[in-house]
């Protein structure tokens, strides 16, 4: 996922889907935390700002590769068996 982002940014390509959700979420969350917000508040506001599901922030490839790190909600969201 990070490699796809690095490649897209290096090549001037647009990002979409979970990659865009992750990137925009992390940028916003970091910016808010740098302004003094706690992680929990910044995390919630970043999700709210882009009106995305918390499950959309990680691509299905990441959820599949590291299944023990993700709840059943992530697997259900991405229809991973």
N, C-alpha and C. Protein backbone atom coordinates (compact mmCIF):
# COMPACT_ATOMS: atom_id res chain seq x y z
N UNK A 1 0.83 -1.18 0.00
CA UNK A 1 0.00 0.00 0.00
C UNK A 1 0.88 1.26 0.00
N UNK A 2 1.84 1.29 0.87
CA UNK A 2 2.75 2.44 0.92
C UNK A 2 3.55 2.53 -0.37
N UNK A 3 3.97 1.39 -0.89
CA UNK A 3 4.74 1.38 -2.14
C UNK A 3 3.89 1.93 -3.28
N UNK A 4 2.61 1.58 -3.33
CA UNK A 4 1.72 2.12 -4.37
C UNK A 4 1.62 3.63 -4.25
N UNK A 5 1.52 4.12 -3.02
CA UNK A 5 1.45 5.57 -2.81
C UNK A 5 2.74 6.25 -3.25
N UNK A 6 3.87 5.67 -2.85
CA UNK A 6 5.16 6.25 -3.24
C UNK A 6 5.31 6.29 -4.76
N UNK A 7 4.94 5.21 -5.41
CA UNK A 7 5.04 5.15 -6.88
C UNK A 7 4.11 6.16 -7.54
N UNK A 8 2.88 6.24 -7.05
CA UNK A 8 1.93 7.19 -7.62
C UNK A 8 2.41 8.63 -7.45
N UNK A 9 2.89 8.96 -6.27
CA UNK A 9 3.37 10.31 -6.03
C UNK A 9 4.61 10.63 -6.86
N UNK A 10 5.50 9.65 -6.98
CA UNK A 10 6.73 9.85 -7.77
C UNK A 10 6.43 10.04 -9.26
N UNK A 11 5.35 9.39 -9.73
CA UNK A 11 5.02 9.44 -11.15
C UNK A 11 3.89 10.41 -11.48
N UNK A 12 3.46 11.17 -10.49
CA UNK A 12 2.39 12.14 -10.72
C UNK A 12 1.05 11.51 -11.04
N UNK A 13 0.83 10.29 -10.56
CA UNK A 13 -0.42 9.60 -10.84
C UNK A 13 -1.44 9.88 -9.74
N UNK A 14 -2.71 9.81 -10.10
CA UNK A 14 -3.78 9.99 -9.12
C UNK A 14 -3.92 8.72 -8.30
N UNK A 15 -4.28 8.90 -7.05
CA UNK A 15 -4.56 7.75 -6.20
C UNK A 15 -6.07 7.70 -5.97
N UNK A 16 -6.56 6.52 -5.68
CA UNK A 16 -8.00 6.37 -5.48
C UNK A 16 -8.28 5.24 -4.50
N UNK A 17 -9.54 5.07 -4.19
CA UNK A 17 -9.96 3.98 -3.32
C UNK A 17 -9.33 4.05 -1.94
N UNK A 18 -8.98 2.87 -1.43
CA UNK A 18 -8.42 2.78 -0.08
C UNK A 18 -7.09 3.53 0.03
N UNK A 19 -6.32 3.57 -1.05
CA UNK A 19 -5.04 4.29 -1.01
C UNK A 19 -5.28 5.78 -0.76
N UNK A 20 -6.25 6.35 -1.46
CA UNK A 20 -6.57 7.77 -1.27
C UNK A 20 -7.15 8.00 0.12
N UNK A 21 -8.01 7.10 0.54
CA UNK A 21 -8.62 7.22 1.87
C UNK A 21 -7.54 7.21 2.95
N UNK A 22 -6.62 6.27 2.85
CA UNK A 22 -5.52 6.16 3.83
C UNK A 22 -4.66 7.42 3.82
N UNK A 23 -4.25 7.85 2.64
CA UNK A 23 -3.36 9.00 2.50
C UNK A 23 -3.99 10.27 3.07
N UNK A 24 -5.20 10.57 2.64
CA UNK A 24 -5.86 11.79 3.10
C UNK A 24 -6.16 11.73 4.60
N UNK A 25 -6.54 10.56 5.06
CA UNK A 25 -6.81 10.39 6.49
C UNK A 25 -5.55 10.66 7.31
N UNK A 26 -4.44 10.05 6.93
CA UNK A 26 -3.20 10.19 7.69
C UNK A 26 -2.67 11.62 7.66
N UNK A 27 -2.76 12.27 6.52
CA UNK A 27 -2.30 13.67 6.42
C UNK A 27 -3.14 14.56 7.35
N UNK A 28 -4.45 14.39 7.30
CA UNK A 28 -5.34 15.20 8.14
C UNK A 28 -5.12 14.90 9.62
N UNK A 29 -5.04 13.62 9.94
CA UNK A 29 -4.85 13.22 11.33
C UNK A 29 -3.54 13.79 11.89
N UNK A 30 -2.47 13.70 11.14
CA UNK A 30 -1.18 14.23 11.57
C UNK A 30 -1.22 15.74 11.74
N UNK A 31 -1.85 16.42 10.80
CA UNK A 31 -1.97 17.87 10.88
C UNK A 31 -2.71 18.28 12.15
N UNK A 32 -3.81 17.61 12.42
CA UNK A 32 -4.59 17.94 13.62
C UNK A 32 -3.82 17.64 14.90
N UNK A 33 -3.10 16.53 14.92
CA UNK A 33 -2.30 16.19 16.10
C UNK A 33 -1.17 17.19 16.30
N UNK A 34 -0.59 17.66 15.20
CA UNK A 34 0.46 18.68 15.30
C UNK A 34 -0.07 20.01 15.83
N UNK A 35 -1.39 20.19 15.73
CA UNK A 35 -2.03 21.38 16.27
C UNK A 35 -2.48 21.18 17.72
N UNK A 36 -2.15 20.01 18.28
CA UNK A 36 -2.42 19.77 19.68
C UNK A 36 -3.57 18.83 20.01
N UNK A 37 -4.25 18.32 19.01
CA UNK A 37 -5.35 17.40 19.29
C UNK A 37 -4.82 16.03 19.69
N UNK A 38 -5.60 15.33 20.48
CA UNK A 38 -5.24 13.96 20.82
C UNK A 38 -5.48 13.06 19.61
N UNK A 39 -4.88 11.88 19.64
CA UNK A 39 -5.05 10.94 18.54
C UNK A 39 -6.53 10.62 18.33
N UNK A 40 -7.25 10.29 19.40
CA UNK A 40 -8.65 9.88 19.25
C UNK A 40 -9.50 10.97 18.60
N UNK A 41 -9.31 12.20 19.01
CA UNK A 41 -10.08 13.30 18.44
C UNK A 41 -9.68 13.52 16.98
N UNK A 42 -8.37 13.56 16.72
CA UNK A 42 -7.88 13.78 15.36
C UNK A 42 -8.34 12.65 14.43
N UNK A 43 -8.29 11.43 14.91
CA UNK A 43 -8.71 10.28 14.10
C UNK A 43 -10.18 10.41 13.71
N UNK A 44 -11.02 10.70 14.68
CA UNK A 44 -12.44 10.86 14.41
C UNK A 44 -12.74 12.00 13.45
N UNK A 45 -12.08 13.13 13.65
CA UNK A 45 -12.30 14.28 12.76
C UNK A 45 -11.81 14.02 11.35
N UNK A 46 -10.72 13.28 11.21
CA UNK A 46 -10.21 12.95 9.88
C UNK A 46 -11.20 12.06 9.13
N UNK A 47 -11.79 11.09 9.82
CA UNK A 47 -12.81 10.24 9.19
C UNK A 47 -14.03 11.07 8.81
N UNK A 48 -14.43 11.94 9.71
CA UNK A 48 -15.60 12.80 9.49
C UNK A 48 -15.37 13.77 8.33
N UNK A 49 -14.18 14.33 8.25
CA UNK A 49 -13.88 15.31 7.20
C UNK A 49 -14.12 14.76 5.81
N UNK A 50 -13.73 13.52 5.58
CA UNK A 50 -13.87 12.92 4.26
C UNK A 50 -15.07 12.00 4.15
N UNK A 51 -15.85 11.93 5.25
CA UNK A 51 -17.07 11.12 5.27
C UNK A 51 -16.82 9.70 4.76
N UNK A 52 -15.81 9.06 5.38
CA UNK A 52 -15.47 7.69 4.99
C UNK A 52 -15.63 6.75 6.17
N UNK A 53 -15.83 5.51 5.84
CA UNK A 53 -15.89 4.47 6.86
C UNK A 53 -14.50 4.24 7.42
N UNK A 54 -14.39 3.97 8.71
CA UNK A 54 -13.07 3.65 9.25
C UNK A 54 -12.48 2.39 8.61
N UNK A 55 -13.35 1.55 8.05
CA UNK A 55 -12.87 0.33 7.39
C UNK A 55 -12.25 0.61 6.02
N UNK A 56 -12.53 1.78 5.45
CA UNK A 56 -12.03 2.09 4.11
C UNK A 56 -10.59 2.58 4.10
N UNK A 57 -10.04 2.81 5.28
CA UNK A 57 -8.70 3.42 5.36
C UNK A 57 -7.59 2.41 5.01
N UNK A 58 -7.87 1.13 5.15
CA UNK A 58 -6.88 0.10 4.80
C UNK A 58 -7.40 -0.73 3.64
N UNK A 59 -6.55 -0.93 2.64
CA UNK A 59 -6.96 -1.67 1.45
C UNK A 59 -7.20 -3.14 1.79
N UNK A 60 -8.00 -3.82 0.97
CA UNK A 60 -8.26 -5.24 1.22
C UNK A 60 -6.98 -6.08 1.18
N UNK A 61 -5.99 -5.65 0.41
CA UNK A 61 -4.72 -6.38 0.35
C UNK A 61 -4.01 -6.36 1.70
N UNK A 62 -4.07 -5.23 2.37
CA UNK A 62 -3.44 -5.10 3.68
C UNK A 62 -4.20 -5.94 4.72
N UNK A 63 -5.50 -5.89 4.67
CA UNK A 63 -6.32 -6.66 5.61
C UNK A 63 -6.09 -8.16 5.40
N UNK A 64 -5.97 -8.57 4.15
CA UNK A 64 -5.72 -9.98 3.84
C UNK A 64 -4.32 -10.41 4.27
N UNK A 65 -3.35 -9.54 4.06
CA UNK A 65 -1.96 -9.89 4.39
C UNK A 65 -1.72 -9.95 5.90
N UNK A 66 -2.43 -9.14 6.65
CA UNK A 66 -2.25 -9.08 8.11
C UNK A 66 -3.58 -9.30 8.83
N UNK A 67 -4.21 -10.45 8.63
CA UNK A 67 -5.57 -10.65 9.16
C UNK A 67 -5.68 -10.55 10.68
N UNK A 68 -4.63 -10.88 11.40
CA UNK A 68 -4.70 -10.82 12.87
C UNK A 68 -4.74 -9.39 13.40
N UNK A 69 -4.41 -8.42 12.56
CA UNK A 69 -4.40 -7.02 13.00
C UNK A 69 -5.74 -6.33 12.79
N UNK A 70 -6.66 -7.00 12.10
CA UNK A 70 -7.91 -6.35 11.73
C UNK A 70 -9.12 -7.13 12.25
N UNK A 71 -10.11 -6.37 12.67
CA UNK A 71 -11.34 -6.98 13.20
C UNK A 71 -12.19 -7.56 12.07
N UNK A 72 -13.20 -8.29 12.49
CA UNK A 72 -14.13 -8.88 11.53
C UNK A 72 -14.82 -7.80 10.70
N UNK A 73 -14.99 -6.61 11.27
CA UNK A 73 -15.61 -5.50 10.54
C UNK A 73 -14.87 -5.14 9.27
N UNK A 74 -13.54 -5.13 9.32
CA UNK A 74 -12.73 -4.85 8.13
C UNK A 74 -12.94 -5.93 7.08
N UNK A 75 -12.96 -7.17 7.50
CA UNK A 75 -13.12 -8.29 6.58
C UNK A 75 -14.51 -8.27 5.96
N UNK A 76 -15.51 -7.94 6.75
CA UNK A 76 -16.88 -7.85 6.24
C UNK A 76 -16.99 -6.69 5.24
N UNK A 77 -16.41 -5.55 5.58
CA UNK A 77 -16.47 -4.37 4.70
C UNK A 77 -15.91 -4.68 3.31
N UNK A 78 -14.78 -5.41 3.29
CA UNK A 78 -14.12 -5.73 2.03
C UNK A 78 -14.54 -7.09 1.47
N UNK A 79 -15.51 -7.74 2.11
CA UNK A 79 -16.00 -9.06 1.69
C UNK A 79 -14.86 -10.07 1.59
N UNK A 80 -14.05 -10.11 2.63
CA UNK A 80 -12.94 -11.05 2.72
C UNK A 80 -13.40 -12.23 3.58
N UNK A 81 -13.27 -13.41 3.04
CA UNK A 81 -13.70 -14.62 3.77
C UNK A 81 -12.59 -15.14 4.64
